[in-house]
Amino acid sequence: RGFWARHRRKVLVSLGVAGAGYAAYRFYDAHRAQLVRVEQLRAREEQAADDLVKNHLQEHFEKVQKICDTTTLPLAMHQLCEKIMTELDISKLTDKLRQGKVQSSAALTPKEKYDTWEEIKIKSFTKTVSSMWAMTLLSLYTRVQVTILGRHLYLDFARSTHGAQLQAESDAFSENGHRSFLTAADYLATGKINAFIMQMQRAAAEVLKEKQLKDLMSTDQVLQTVLQILDMFMSLCEDNSWINYLVPDDASVHAQMMAVSSNGFDDSSLLNDFRKLEQLMTETRIVLASDDFRNIMERSLRKIAEMVIEDLAAQTGIPSPTSGLPLATLLPRVAHLSLPLLEEPNKNKHIQMIRSMPEVGLFYTFLYANMPPEK
């Protein structure tokens, strides 16, 4: 009783402080738990919003890739086939030789006969090598376009803090800009085909000038001739000028022409599309001019050339690399090799081969992950 009398006040104060502390701790713990629940709810809402936009971007990217695979590349290949078959048709030349044999009135002088055969020789190789180069580059080029578009969609998402705003901006450009960018794939067939063929003919004439019609050629020699023509063509295209056969010289002019044919210039969004198209075209040129792209281009062309010569060997039945057939006999078969090269993409074994090459897939993976800097 004496102890309680002496320390009662202290004990009561201590109990009061302990109770207040415990109450404060319970209040803090409850408040902290509520904050955690609020943060978790906010995080789930943000994650749901991010997933929604990511799914939208993925769907949009797949839509762009589908447009490229089902519309852009098939249309470009169809136009290319028509142009090459028309510009490098040798049937009139062979008819001329045939008529000269059976009709005395149509007999050719030795010089006319020689010149006709020389034209057949150059056109036959030009036809197949042009088809080989154009098919390979169009296949690689359209994939570059799709990869660049996909990369831009990802970067737009990463920079945006408001999913709805990003979605609206992405949709706006997809309507007015993506198709314009993808349709540039037909530039080779519609705008540069004549210049391209002339340059390839120059390369073929230079390589074939020492080869006589009576010379025996094995399939290995035909392969080396094809590769030499490809190398000669690229050497004639100084400072990567071959890119001009694929990419429009002035993207804004290209876009404006498309706008005139559709919406005119009243829509202010078209100005943004022009700027975006210029940016995309600039990045495309940077990629095509890179050493990495040059590497997969050369590897792809080499692989396709080997496939084409395998088809030639199957047709001719040449038993070994040391034997061969006269060049004059091979020319029609060489010209015929262009047809499988220009088949529509879903049936084209050469395009499928390019897409299946590991180094090609690796290039586009790195390109998507790390776009080259703007110059």
Protein backbone atom coordinates (compact mmCIF):
# COMPACT_ATOMS: atom_id res chain seq x y z
CA ARG A 1 0.00 0.00 0.00
CA GLY A 2 2.86 2.34 0.77
CA PHE A 3 4.50 1.65 -2.63
CA TRP A 4 1.22 2.20 -4.50
CA ALA A 5 0.59 5.38 -2.56
CA ARG A 6 4.04 6.69 -3.43
CA HIS A 7 4.09 5.66 -7.17
CA ARG A 8 0.43 5.68 -8.13
CA ARG A 9 0.71 8.84 -10.19
CA LYS A 10 3.75 7.56 -12.07
CA VAL A 11 2.13 4.21 -12.81
CA LEU A 12 -1.06 5.84 -14.08
CA VAL A 13 0.91 8.26 -16.26
CA SER A 14 3.02 5.38 -17.63
CA LEU A 15 -0.06 3.32 -18.41
CA GLY A 16 -1.66 6.33 -20.11
CA VAL A 17 1.43 6.95 -22.23
CA ALA A 18 1.65 3.27 -23.17
CA GLY A 19 -2.03 3.17 -24.08
CA ALA A 20 -1.75 6.32 -26.15
CA GLY A 21 1.32 4.92 -27.89
CA TYR A 22 -0.42 1.64 -28.63
CA ALA A 23 -3.48 3.50 -29.95
CA ALA A 24 -1.24 5.71 -32.11
CA TYR A 25 0.57 2.61 -33.43
CA ARG A 26 -2.74 0.93 -34.31
CA PHE A 27 -3.93 4.09 -36.03
CA TYR A 28 -0.65 4.39 -37.98
CA ASP A 29 -0.71 0.72 -38.93
CA ALA A 30 -4.31 0.98 -40.15
CA HIS A 31 -3.48 4.16 -42.11
CA ARG A 32 -0.38 2.55 -43.63
CA ALA A 33 -2.36 -0.53 -44.67
CA GLN A 34 -4.96 1.74 -46.27
CA LEU A 35 -2.22 3.59 -48.17
CA VAL A 36 -0.77 0.28 -49.37
CA ARG A 37 -4.20 -0.82 -50.59
CA VAL A 38 -4.70 2.50 -52.37
CA GLU A 39 -1.26 2.24 -54.01
CA GLN A 40 -1.92 -1.34 -55.06
CA LEU A 41 -5.28 -0.34 -56.52
CA ARG A 42 -3.67 2.58 -58.35
CA ALA A 43 -0.89 0.32 -59.65
CA ARG A 44 -3.43 -2.23 -60.89
CA GLU A 45 -5.39 0.52 -62.62
CA GLU A 46 -2.24 1.90 -64.25
CA GLN A 47 -1.15 -1.60 -65.28
CA ALA A 48 -4.58 -2.27 -66.75
CA ALA A 49 -4.38 1.01 -68.68
CA ASP A 50 -0.85 0.20 -69.88
CA ASP A 51 -1.92 -3.30 -70.92
CA LEU A 52 -4.86 -1.84 -72.80
CA VAL A 53 -2.62 0.53 -74.77
CA LYS A 54 0.02 -2.17 -75.32
CA ASN A 55 -2.64 -4.50 -76.67
CA HIS A 56 -3.88 -1.71 -78.92
CA LEU A 57 -0.35 -1.06 -80.17
CA GLN A 58 0.24 -4.77 -80.76
CA GLU A 59 -3.01 -5.05 -82.69
CA HIS A 60 -2.13 -1.95 -84.69
CA PHE A 61 1.37 -3.25 -85.45
CA GLU A 62 -0.03 -6.61 -86.55
CA LYS A 63 -2.51 -4.76 -88.75
CA VAL A 64 0.34 -2.80 -90.36
CA GLN A 65 2.34 -5.98 -90.92
CA LYS A 66 -0.70 -7.70 -92.42
CA ILE A 67 -1.20 -4.78 -94.81
CA CYS A 68 2.42 -5.11 -95.86
CA ASP A 69 2.31 -8.90 -96.31
CA THR A 70 -1.07 -9.12 -98.03
CA THR A 71 -1.26 -5.86 -99.98
CA THR A 72 1.91 -3.79 -100.19
CA LEU A 73 4.48 -6.43 -101.14
CA PRO A 74 2.15 -8.47 -103.42
CA LEU A 75 1.12 -5.34 -105.32
CA ALA A 76 4.73 -4.18 -105.66
CA MET A 77 5.79 -7.64 -106.87
CA HIS A 78 2.93 -7.77 -109.38
CA GLN A 79 3.84 -4.38 -110.82
CA LEU A 80 7.50 -5.33 -110.88
CA CYS A 81 6.78 -8.56 -112.75
CA GLU A 82 4.76 -6.78 -115.41
CA LYS A 83 7.45 -4.14 -115.96
CA ILE A 84 10.39 -6.53 -116.15
CA MET A 85 8.59 -8.99 -118.41
CA THR A 86 7.62 -6.15 -120.76
CA GLU A 87 10.89 -4.24 -120.80
CA LEU A 88 13.11 -7.32 -121.10
CA ASP A 89 10.99 -9.45 -123.42
CA ILE A 90 13.22 -11.47 -125.78
CA SER A 91 10.44 -13.23 -127.71
CA LYS A 92 10.55 -10.67 -130.52
CA LEU A 93 14.28 -11.17 -130.87
CA THR A 94 14.02 -14.95 -131.01
CA ASP A 95 11.17 -14.66 -133.53
CA LYS A 96 13.39 -12.43 -135.63
CA LEU A 97 16.12 -15.07 -135.69
CA ARG A 98 13.62 -17.83 -136.43
CA GLN A 99 12.05 -15.97 -139.34
CA GLY A 100 15.49 -15.22 -140.73
CA LYS A 101 16.11 -18.96 -141.02
CA VAL A 102 12.84 -19.97 -142.70
CA GLN A 103 12.09 -16.90 -144.84
CA SER A 104 14.61 -15.71 -147.37
CA SER A 105 12.98 -12.29 -147.41
CA ALA A 106 13.63 -11.96 -143.68
CA ALA A 107 17.21 -13.27 -143.81
CA LEU A 108 19.59 -11.40 -141.56
CA THR A 109 23.05 -10.21 -142.44
CA PRO A 110 25.87 -11.65 -140.34
CA LYS A 111 26.13 -8.38 -138.42
CA GLU A 112 22.37 -8.23 -137.78
CA LYS A 113 22.42 -11.82 -136.60
CA TYR A 114 25.38 -11.16 -134.32
CA ASP A 115 23.80 -8.00 -132.87
CA THR A 116 20.50 -9.82 -132.25
CA TRP A 117 22.24 -12.65 -130.41
CA GLU A 118 24.21 -10.16 -128.33
CA GLU A 119 21.00 -8.39 -127.35
CA ILE A 120 19.41 -11.72 -126.40
CA LYS A 121 22.48 -12.59 -124.32
CA ILE A 122 22.45 -9.33 -122.40
CA LYS A 123 18.67 -9.21 -121.94
CA SER A 124 18.47 -12.83 -120.77
CA PHE A 125 20.93 -12.28 -117.94
CA THR A 126 19.59 -8.79 -117.19
CA LYS A 127 16.08 -10.19 -116.87
CA THR A 128 16.99 -12.80 -114.29
CA VAL A 129 19.53 -10.75 -112.33
CA SER A 130 17.14 -7.76 -112.23
CA SER A 131 14.38 -10.01 -110.94
CA MET A 132 16.75 -11.47 -108.35
CA TRP A 133 17.95 -8.10 -107.07
CA ALA A 134 14.53 -6.42 -107.10
CA MET A 135 12.74 -9.32 -105.40
CA THR A 136 15.39 -9.61 -102.69
CA LEU A 137 15.57 -5.89 -101.99
CA LEU A 138 11.80 -5.43 -101.96
CA SER A 139 11.44 -8.28 -99.49
CA LEU A 140 14.10 -6.82 -97.19
CA TYR A 141 12.95 -3.23 -97.67
CA THR A 142 9.29 -3.81 -96.78
CA ARG A 143 10.39 -5.63 -93.63
CA VAL A 144 12.52 -2.60 -92.71
CA GLN A 145 9.43 -0.40 -93.14
CA VAL A 146 7.31 -2.56 -90.85
CA THR A 147 10.08 -2.73 -88.24
CA ILE A 148 10.53 1.04 -88.24
CA LEU A 149 6.77 1.56 -87.84
CA GLY A 150 6.63 -0.92 -84.99
CA ARG A 151 9.56 0.76 -83.29
CA HIS A 152 7.88 4.17 -83.54
CA LEU A 153 4.68 2.82 -82.03
CA TYR A 154 6.67 1.46 -79.10
CA LEU A 155 8.59 4.70 -78.57
CA ASP A 156 5.40 6.75 -78.74
CA PHE A 157 3.96 4.54 -76.03
CA ALA A 158 7.09 4.76 -73.87
CA ARG A 159 7.14 8.57 -74.07
CA SER A 160 3.45 9.01 -73.39
CA THR A 161 1.97 9.32 -69.93
CA HIS A 162 -1.64 9.29 -71.05
CA GLY A 163 -2.83 6.18 -72.84
CA ALA A 164 -5.95 7.73 -74.36
CA GLN A 165 -3.93 10.58 -75.87
CA LEU A 166 -1.43 8.09 -77.34
CA GLN A 167 -4.21 5.96 -78.76
CA ALA A 168 -5.78 8.96 -80.48
CA GLU A 169 -2.44 10.11 -81.91
CA SER A 170 -1.56 6.62 -83.06
CA ASP A 171 -4.91 6.14 -84.78
CA ALA A 172 -4.67 9.55 -86.47
CA PHE A 173 -1.30 8.78 -88.01
CA SER A 174 -2.22 5.22 -88.90
CA GLU A 175 -5.06 6.46 -91.04
CA ASN A 176 -3.14 9.14 -92.92
CA GLY A 177 0.50 8.18 -92.71
CA HIS A 178 1.19 4.47 -92.40
CA ARG A 179 -0.36 3.55 -95.73
CA SER A 180 1.55 6.37 -97.43
CA PHE A 181 4.79 5.03 -95.98
CA LEU A 182 4.07 1.43 -96.93
CA THR A 183 2.93 2.24 -100.47
CA ALA A 184 6.40 3.67 -101.14
CA ALA A 185 7.37 0.05 -101.72
CA ASP A 186 6.00 0.30 -105.26
CA TYR A 187 8.35 3.19 -106.06
CA LEU A 188 10.83 0.88 -107.81
CA ALA A 189 8.18 -0.60 -110.11
CA THR A 190 6.32 2.65 -110.81
CA GLY A 191 9.01 5.33 -110.74
CA LYS A 192 12.49 3.90 -111.17
CA ILE A 193 12.12 0.68 -113.12
CA ASN A 194 13.49 2.01 -116.42
CA ALA A 195 16.55 3.59 -114.81
CA PHE A 196 17.10 0.43 -112.76
CA ILE A 197 16.94 -1.85 -115.82
CA MET A 198 19.29 0.38 -117.80
CA GLN A 199 21.85 0.27 -115.00
CA MET A 200 21.57 -3.51 -114.72
CA GLN A 201 21.97 -3.84 -118.50
CA ARG A 202 25.16 -1.81 -118.30
CA ALA A 203 26.49 -4.17 -115.66
CA ALA A 204 25.48 -7.27 -117.66
CA ALA A 205 27.01 -5.93 -120.89
CA GLU A 206 30.29 -5.24 -119.11
CA VAL A 207 30.51 -8.73 -117.59
CA LEU A 208 29.30 -10.60 -120.69
CA LYS A 209 31.35 -8.76 -123.32
CA GLU A 210 34.09 -11.42 -123.35
CA LYS A 211 31.73 -14.42 -123.30
CA GLN A 212 31.00 -16.00 -126.69
CA LEU A 213 27.81 -17.84 -127.61
CA LYS A 214 29.70 -21.03 -128.44
CA ASP A 215 31.53 -21.10 -125.10
CA LEU A 216 30.64 -24.00 -122.85
CA MET A 217 29.34 -22.88 -119.46
CA SER A 218 28.78 -25.01 -116.41
CA THR A 219 26.25 -24.14 -113.74
CA ASP A 220 29.09 -22.98 -111.51
CA GLN A 221 30.24 -20.59 -114.25
CA VAL A 222 26.70 -19.28 -114.68
CA LEU A 223 26.57 -18.66 -110.93
CA GLN A 224 29.84 -16.76 -111.02
CA THR A 225 28.56 -14.71 -113.97
CA VAL A 226 25.39 -13.80 -112.08
CA LEU A 227 27.38 -12.78 -109.01
CA GLN A 228 29.75 -10.72 -111.14
CA ILE A 229 26.81 -8.85 -112.68
CA LEU A 230 25.42 -8.14 -109.20
CA ASP A 231 28.81 -6.88 -108.04
CA MET A 232 29.22 -4.76 -111.17
CA PHE A 233 25.73 -3.26 -110.68
CA MET A 234 26.50 -2.31 -107.08
CA SER A 235 29.87 -0.84 -108.07
CA LEU A 236 28.14 1.34 -110.67
CA CYS A 237 25.84 2.65 -107.92
CA GLU A 238 28.35 4.92 -106.22
CA ASP A 239 27.69 6.32 -102.73
CA ASN A 240 24.78 3.94 -102.16
CA SER A 241 22.84 5.48 -105.04
CA TRP A 242 21.02 2.15 -105.43
CA ILE A 243 18.87 3.28 -102.50
CA ASN A 244 17.30 5.85 -104.83
CA TYR A 245 15.70 2.99 -106.78
CA LEU A 246 13.76 2.00 -103.64
CA VAL A 247 13.14 5.14 -101.61
CA PRO A 248 11.50 8.28 -103.09
CA ASP A 249 13.90 11.18 -103.46
CA ASP A 250 11.50 13.59 -101.77
CA ALA A 251 9.11 12.01 -99.32
CA SER A 252 7.10 15.21 -98.85
CA VAL A 253 6.42 15.48 -102.59
CA HIS A 254 5.43 11.82 -102.63
CA ALA A 255 3.05 12.42 -99.70
CA GLN A 256 1.59 15.57 -101.20
CA MET A 257 0.83 13.79 -104.46
CA MET A 258 -1.06 11.16 -102.50
CA ALA A 259 -2.89 13.85 -100.53
CA VAL A 260 -3.96 15.65 -103.69
CA SER A 261 -5.44 12.44 -105.04
CA SER A 262 -7.39 11.82 -101.84
CA ASN A 263 -8.11 14.56 -99.29
CA GLY A 264 -6.48 17.69 -100.63
CA PHE A 265 -4.60 20.03 -98.28
CA ASP A 266 -7.41 21.31 -96.06
CA ASP A 267 -6.82 18.75 -93.34
CA SER A 268 -4.20 20.09 -90.91
CA SER A 269 -3.34 16.54 -89.87
CA LEU A 270 -1.76 16.02 -93.28
CA LEU A 271 1.02 18.44 -92.33
CA ASN A 272 1.89 16.21 -89.39
CA ASP A 273 1.77 13.21 -91.69
CA PHE A 274 4.21 14.86 -94.09
CA ARG A 275 6.64 15.55 -91.27
CA LYS A 276 6.25 12.03 -89.92
CA LEU A 277 6.68 10.55 -93.39
CA GLU A 278 9.87 12.56 -93.90
CA GLN A 279 11.18 11.22 -90.60
CA LEU A 280 10.31 7.64 -91.47
CA MET A 281 11.88 7.92 -94.92
CA THR A 282 15.04 9.44 -93.44
CA GLU A 283 15.35 6.59 -90.95
CA THR A 284 14.75 4.09 -93.74
CA ARG A 285 17.60 5.56 -95.78
CA ILE A 286 19.89 5.39 -92.76
CA VAL A 287 19.07 1.72 -92.25
CA LEU A 288 19.55 0.82 -95.93
CA ALA A 289 22.89 2.63 -96.02
CA SER A 290 24.20 0.80 -92.94
CA ASP A 291 26.90 -1.86 -93.09
CA ASP A 292 24.62 -4.32 -91.30
CA PHE A 293 21.94 -4.03 -93.98
CA ARG A 294 24.57 -4.30 -96.72
CA ASN A 295 25.72 -7.52 -95.09
CA ILE A 296 22.30 -9.21 -95.04
CA MET A 297 21.60 -7.92 -98.55
CA GLU A 298 24.76 -9.55 -99.90
CA ARG A 299 24.11 -12.78 -98.00
CA SER A 300 20.52 -12.91 -99.23
CA LEU A 301 21.49 -12.25 -102.86
CA ARG A 302 24.16 -14.94 -102.68
CA LYS A 303 21.68 -17.45 -101.26
CA ILE A 304 19.05 -16.62 -103.89
CA ALA A 305 21.63 -16.85 -106.68
CA GLU A 306 22.59 -20.33 -105.50
CA MET A 307 18.92 -21.39 -105.41
CA VAL A 308 18.36 -20.08 -108.93
CA ILE A 309 21.39 -21.93 -110.30
CA GLU A 310 20.20 -25.13 -108.61
CA ASP A 311 16.95 -24.74 -110.56
CA LEU A 312 18.96 -24.20 -113.75
CA ALA A 313 20.99 -27.35 -113.09
CA ALA A 314 17.79 -29.34 -112.60
CA GLN A 315 16.44 -28.04 -115.92
CA THR A 316 19.58 -28.62 -117.98
CA GLY A 317 20.70 -31.85 -116.36
CA ILE A 318 24.35 -30.81 -116.49
CA PRO A 319 26.08 -33.71 -114.71
CA SER A 320 29.13 -31.98 -113.23
CA PRO A 321 30.67 -28.55 -112.75
CA THR A 322 33.47 -29.34 -115.23
CA SER A 323 31.10 -29.84 -118.17
CA GLY A 324 28.51 -27.51 -119.56
CA LEU A 325 26.35 -26.38 -122.44
CA PRO A 326 26.95 -23.70 -125.08
CA LEU A 327 25.96 -20.27 -123.84
CA ALA A 328 23.52 -19.88 -126.74
CA THR A 329 21.67 -22.99 -125.54
CA LEU A 330 21.53 -21.74 -121.97
CA LEU A 331 20.19 -18.26 -122.70
CA PRO A 332 16.45 -19.10 -122.98
CA ARG A 333 16.67 -21.13 -119.80
CA VAL A 334 18.50 -18.35 -117.99
CA ALA A 335 15.78 -15.88 -119.01
CA HIS A 336 13.08 -18.29 -117.85
CA LEU A 337 14.56 -18.32 -114.33
CA SER A 338 13.07 -14.87 -113.71
CA LEU A 339 9.50 -16.21 -113.55
CA PRO A 340 9.75 -18.05 -110.18
CA LEU A 341 11.62 -15.08 -108.73
CA LEU A 342 8.66 -12.77 -109.35
CA GLU A 343 5.88 -15.02 -108.09
CA GLU A 344 3.47 -13.60 -105.52
CA PRO A 345 5.00 -13.63 -102.02
CA ASN A 346 2.86 -16.38 -100.46
CA LYS A 347 3.97 -18.76 -103.22
CA ASN A 348 7.49 -17.45 -103.67
CA LYS A 349 10.02 -19.92 -102.27
CA HIS A 350 12.80 -17.35 -102.61
CA ILE A 351 11.04 -14.81 -100.37
CA GLN A 352 10.30 -17.56 -97.86
CA MET A 353 13.98 -18.53 -97.89
CA ILE A 354 15.07 -14.94 -97.18
CA ARG A 355 12.62 -14.67 -94.28
CA SER A 356 13.89 -17.93 -92.78
CA MET A 357 17.59 -16.95 -92.79
CA PRO A 358 18.79 -16.64 -89.15
CA GLU A 359 21.01 -13.65 -89.88
CA VAL A 360 18.10 -11.79 -91.47
CA GLY A 361 15.86 -12.42 -88.46
CA LEU A 362 18.65 -11.34 -86.10
CA PHE A 363 19.15 -8.11 -88.05
CA TYR A 364 15.49 -7.11 -87.68
CA THR A 365 15.50 -8.04 -83.99
CA PHE A 366 18.41 -5.69 -83.36
CA LEU A 367 16.87 -3.05 -85.60
CA TYR A 368 13.65 -3.08 -83.59
CA ALA A 369 15.51 -2.99 -80.28
CA ASN A 370 18.03 -0.33 -81.23
CA MET A 371 17.18 1.99 -84.10
CA PRO A 372 20.14 3.85 -85.61
CA PRO A 373 20.55 7.50 -84.59
CA GLU A 374 19.18 10.20 -86.85
CA LYS A 375 21.68 12.08 -88.97
